[in-house]
Amino acid sequence: MESLLAIGVGLVLRIVVDAATDNDDRVGGVLVGLWEGVVLNHFVRRMPHSFDPYLGFGFRIFVDFLFTQSLSRLSLVALWALVG
């Protein structure tokens, strides 16, 4: 249940960040990537032997790419998720 909440919050965050940054892929990608990194870190620590956090991360990245169609944003989100 908590994973579904994280997916929903992550998708809503993307909409808010896009509106706040006027669809600037660089700033939006960094903010979303940091958020994704924090969420992924939280769930990996909470469920260390589960693959579910990675599936949720992949799903959110996939949905983000479907809506933005931007490989640069996708790469920024993935890179900054490593930092977060």
N, C-alpha and C. Protein backbone atom coordinates (compact mmCIF):
# COMPACT_ATOMS: atom_id res chain seq x y z
N MET A 1 0.82 -1.19 0.00
CA MET A 1 0.00 0.00 0.00
C MET A 1 0.87 1.26 0.00
N GLU A 2 1.94 1.22 0.77
CA GLU A 2 2.82 2.37 0.84
C GLU A 2 3.51 2.62 -0.50
N SER A 3 3.78 1.56 -1.24
CA SER A 3 4.40 1.70 -2.55
C SER A 3 3.46 2.38 -3.53
N LEU A 4 2.18 2.05 -3.45
CA LEU A 4 1.20 2.71 -4.32
C LEU A 4 1.07 4.19 -4.00
N LEU A 5 1.14 4.51 -2.73
CA LEU A 5 1.11 5.92 -2.32
C LEU A 5 2.32 6.66 -2.86
N ALA A 6 3.49 6.02 -2.81
CA ALA A 6 4.71 6.65 -3.33
C ALA A 6 4.61 6.87 -4.83
N ILE A 7 4.01 5.92 -5.55
CA ILE A 7 3.83 6.09 -6.99
C ILE A 7 2.91 7.27 -7.26
N GLY A 8 1.80 7.34 -6.54
CA GLY A 8 0.86 8.44 -6.73
C GLY A 8 1.46 9.79 -6.39
N VAL A 9 2.16 9.87 -5.29
CA VAL A 9 2.79 11.14 -4.88
C VAL A 9 3.86 11.53 -5.88
N GLY A 10 4.63 10.55 -6.37
CA GLY A 10 5.67 10.84 -7.36
C GLY A 10 5.09 11.40 -8.65
N LEU A 11 3.97 10.85 -9.08
CA LEU A 11 3.35 11.34 -10.32
C LEU A 11 2.75 12.73 -10.13
N VAL A 12 2.14 12.96 -8.97
CA VAL A 12 1.60 14.30 -8.68
C VAL A 12 2.74 15.31 -8.57
N LEU A 13 3.84 14.91 -7.95
CA LEU A 13 4.99 15.80 -7.83
C LEU A 13 5.50 16.23 -9.20
N ARG A 14 5.50 15.32 -10.14
CA ARG A 14 5.95 15.66 -11.50
C ARG A 14 5.07 16.75 -12.11
N ILE A 15 3.77 16.66 -11.89
CA ILE A 15 2.85 17.67 -12.43
C ILE A 15 3.12 19.03 -11.77
N VAL A 16 3.30 19.03 -10.46
CA VAL A 16 3.55 20.28 -9.73
C VAL A 16 4.88 20.88 -10.16
N VAL A 17 5.92 20.06 -10.28
CA VAL A 17 7.23 20.57 -10.68
C VAL A 17 7.18 21.12 -12.10
N ASP A 18 6.48 20.44 -13.01
CA ASP A 18 6.36 20.95 -14.38
C ASP A 18 5.65 22.30 -14.41
N ALA A 19 4.61 22.44 -13.61
CA ALA A 19 3.89 23.71 -13.57
C ALA A 19 4.74 24.81 -12.93
N ALA A 20 5.50 24.47 -11.91
CA ALA A 20 6.30 25.47 -11.19
C ALA A 20 7.53 25.90 -11.98
N THR A 21 8.07 25.03 -12.82
CA THR A 21 9.30 25.35 -13.54
C THR A 21 9.06 25.70 -15.00
N ASP A 22 7.83 25.89 -15.40
CA ASP A 22 7.47 26.20 -16.79
C ASP A 22 8.07 25.17 -17.76
N ASN A 23 7.96 23.90 -17.39
CA ASN A 23 8.42 22.77 -18.21
C ASN A 23 9.91 22.84 -18.54
N ASP A 24 10.71 23.40 -17.64
CA ASP A 24 12.16 23.42 -17.80
C ASP A 24 12.69 22.04 -17.42
N ASP A 25 13.17 21.29 -18.41
CA ASP A 25 13.59 19.91 -18.18
C ASP A 25 14.79 19.81 -17.25
N ARG A 26 15.66 20.79 -17.29
CA ARG A 26 16.85 20.72 -16.44
C ARG A 26 16.49 20.84 -14.96
N VAL A 27 15.76 21.87 -14.62
CA VAL A 27 15.39 22.08 -13.22
C VAL A 27 14.40 21.01 -12.76
N GLY A 28 13.42 20.72 -13.59
CA GLY A 28 12.44 19.70 -13.24
C GLY A 28 13.06 18.33 -13.09
N GLY A 29 13.98 17.99 -13.97
CA GLY A 29 14.64 16.69 -13.89
C GLY A 29 15.47 16.55 -12.63
N VAL A 30 16.12 17.63 -12.23
CA VAL A 30 16.92 17.60 -11.00
C VAL A 30 16.02 17.42 -9.78
N LEU A 31 14.96 18.20 -9.69
CA LEU A 31 14.06 18.12 -8.54
C LEU A 31 13.38 16.76 -8.44
N VAL A 32 12.87 16.29 -9.56
CA VAL A 32 12.20 14.99 -9.55
C VAL A 32 13.21 13.87 -9.27
N GLY A 33 14.41 13.99 -9.82
CA GLY A 33 15.43 12.98 -9.58
C GLY A 33 15.83 12.90 -8.12
N LEU A 34 15.99 14.05 -7.48
CA LEU A 34 16.30 14.04 -6.05
C LEU A 34 15.18 13.39 -5.24
N TRP A 35 13.95 13.73 -5.58
CA TRP A 35 12.81 13.12 -4.89
C TRP A 35 12.81 11.60 -5.10
N GLU A 36 13.03 11.16 -6.32
CA GLU A 36 13.04 9.73 -6.61
C GLU A 36 14.15 9.03 -5.85
N GLY A 37 15.30 9.67 -5.75
CA GLY A 37 16.40 9.07 -5.01
C GLY A 37 16.08 8.89 -3.54
N VAL A 38 15.44 9.90 -2.95
CA VAL A 38 15.07 9.82 -1.53
C VAL A 38 14.04 8.72 -1.32
N VAL A 39 13.05 8.66 -2.20
CA VAL A 39 12.00 7.64 -2.07
C VAL A 39 12.58 6.25 -2.27
N LEU A 40 13.42 6.09 -3.28
CA LEU A 40 14.03 4.79 -3.54
C LEU A 40 14.90 4.35 -2.36
N ASN A 41 15.67 5.26 -1.82
CA ASN A 41 16.51 4.95 -0.66
C ASN A 41 15.65 4.52 0.54
N HIS A 42 14.56 5.22 0.77
CA HIS A 42 13.67 4.89 1.86
C HIS A 42 13.12 3.47 1.72
N PHE A 43 12.63 3.14 0.54
CA PHE A 43 12.01 1.84 0.35
C PHE A 43 13.02 0.70 0.30
N VAL A 44 14.21 0.97 -0.20
CA VAL A 44 15.23 -0.07 -0.22
C VAL A 44 15.68 -0.38 1.20
N ARG A 45 15.79 0.63 2.04
CA ARG A 45 16.15 0.39 3.44
C ARG A 45 15.03 -0.31 4.19
N ARG A 46 13.80 0.01 3.83
CA ARG A 46 12.65 -0.58 4.52
C ARG A 46 12.40 -2.03 4.08
N MET A 47 12.62 -2.30 2.80
CA MET A 47 12.41 -3.65 2.25
C MET A 47 13.68 -4.08 1.51
N PRO A 48 14.73 -4.46 2.23
CA PRO A 48 16.03 -4.71 1.59
C PRO A 48 16.06 -5.91 0.66
N HIS A 49 15.18 -6.89 0.83
CA HIS A 49 15.22 -8.08 0.00
C HIS A 49 14.12 -8.09 -1.06
N SER A 50 13.45 -6.97 -1.23
CA SER A 50 12.35 -6.89 -2.19
C SER A 50 12.78 -6.13 -3.44
N PHE A 51 12.22 -6.54 -4.55
CA PHE A 51 12.48 -5.87 -5.82
C PHE A 51 11.44 -4.78 -6.11
N ASP A 52 10.42 -4.69 -5.26
CA ASP A 52 9.32 -3.74 -5.47
C ASP A 52 9.75 -2.28 -5.57
N PRO A 53 10.69 -1.80 -4.74
CA PRO A 53 11.09 -0.38 -4.88
C PRO A 53 11.64 -0.06 -6.26
N TYR A 54 12.36 -1.00 -6.84
CA TYR A 54 12.92 -0.77 -8.17
C TYR A 54 11.85 -0.81 -9.26
N LEU A 55 10.85 -1.66 -9.06
CA LEU A 55 9.73 -1.69 -10.01
C LEU A 55 8.95 -0.38 -9.97
N GLY A 56 8.71 0.12 -8.76
CA GLY A 56 8.01 1.41 -8.63
C GLY A 56 8.80 2.54 -9.25
N PHE A 57 10.10 2.54 -9.02
CA PHE A 57 10.97 3.56 -9.61
C PHE A 57 10.92 3.48 -11.13
N GLY A 58 11.04 2.28 -11.66
CA GLY A 58 10.98 2.09 -13.11
C GLY A 58 9.64 2.51 -13.69
N PHE A 59 8.56 2.21 -12.98
CA PHE A 59 7.23 2.59 -13.46
C PHE A 59 7.09 4.11 -13.50
N ARG A 60 7.54 4.80 -12.45
CA ARG A 60 7.44 6.26 -12.43
C ARG A 60 8.30 6.90 -13.50
N ILE A 61 9.48 6.35 -13.73
CA ILE A 61 10.36 6.86 -14.79
C ILE A 61 9.71 6.65 -16.16
N PHE A 62 9.11 5.47 -16.35
CA PHE A 62 8.45 5.16 -17.62
C PHE A 62 7.28 6.10 -17.88
N VAL A 63 6.45 6.33 -16.87
CA VAL A 63 5.30 7.25 -17.03
C VAL A 63 5.79 8.66 -17.30
N ASP A 64 6.85 9.07 -16.61
CA ASP A 64 7.43 10.39 -16.84
C ASP A 64 7.87 10.53 -18.29
N PHE A 65 8.51 9.50 -18.82
CA PHE A 65 8.96 9.55 -20.20
C PHE A 65 7.78 9.57 -21.17
N LEU A 66 6.72 8.82 -20.87
CA LEU A 66 5.55 8.82 -21.75
C LEU A 66 4.93 10.21 -21.87
N PHE A 67 4.91 10.95 -20.77
CA PHE A 67 4.29 12.27 -20.81
C PHE A 67 5.22 13.35 -21.34
N THR A 68 6.52 13.26 -21.06
CA THR A 68 7.43 14.32 -21.48
C THR A 68 8.10 14.05 -22.81
N GLN A 69 8.29 12.77 -23.17
CA GLN A 69 8.98 12.39 -24.40
C GLN A 69 10.37 13.03 -24.49
N SER A 70 11.02 13.15 -23.35
CA SER A 70 12.31 13.82 -23.29
C SER A 70 13.37 12.87 -22.72
N LEU A 71 14.32 12.48 -23.55
CA LEU A 71 15.40 11.63 -23.08
C LEU A 71 16.34 12.38 -22.15
N SER A 72 16.49 13.69 -22.37
CA SER A 72 17.37 14.46 -21.49
C SER A 72 16.79 14.52 -20.08
N ARG A 73 15.49 14.70 -19.96
CA ARG A 73 14.86 14.72 -18.63
C ARG A 73 14.96 13.34 -17.99
N LEU A 74 14.75 12.30 -18.79
CA LEU A 74 14.85 10.94 -18.27
C LEU A 74 16.24 10.66 -17.71
N SER A 75 17.26 11.09 -18.43
CA SER A 75 18.62 10.86 -17.96
C SER A 75 18.93 11.71 -16.73
N LEU A 76 18.43 12.95 -16.68
CA LEU A 76 18.63 13.79 -15.50
C LEU A 76 17.96 13.19 -14.27
N VAL A 77 16.75 12.70 -14.43
CA VAL A 77 16.04 12.09 -13.30
C VAL A 77 16.81 10.88 -12.80
N ALA A 78 17.28 10.04 -13.72
CA ALA A 78 18.01 8.84 -13.32
C ALA A 78 19.33 9.19 -12.63
N LEU A 79 20.05 10.16 -13.16
CA LEU A 79 21.33 10.56 -12.56
C LEU A 79 21.13 11.18 -11.18
N TRP A 80 20.15 12.06 -11.06
CA TRP A 80 19.93 12.72 -9.77
C TRP A 80 19.29 11.78 -8.76
N ALA A 81 18.63 10.74 -9.22
CA ALA A 81 18.12 9.73 -8.30
C ALA A 81 19.27 9.01 -7.62
N LEU A 82 20.38 8.85 -8.33
CA LEU A 82 21.56 8.25 -7.72
C LEU A 82 22.13 9.14 -6.62
N VAL A 83 22.02 10.44 -6.79
CA VAL A 83 22.51 11.40 -5.79
C VAL A 83 21.58 11.41 -4.57
N GLY A 84 20.28 11.40 -4.84
CA GLY A 84 19.30 11.46 -3.75
C GLY A 84 19.31 10.22 -2.95
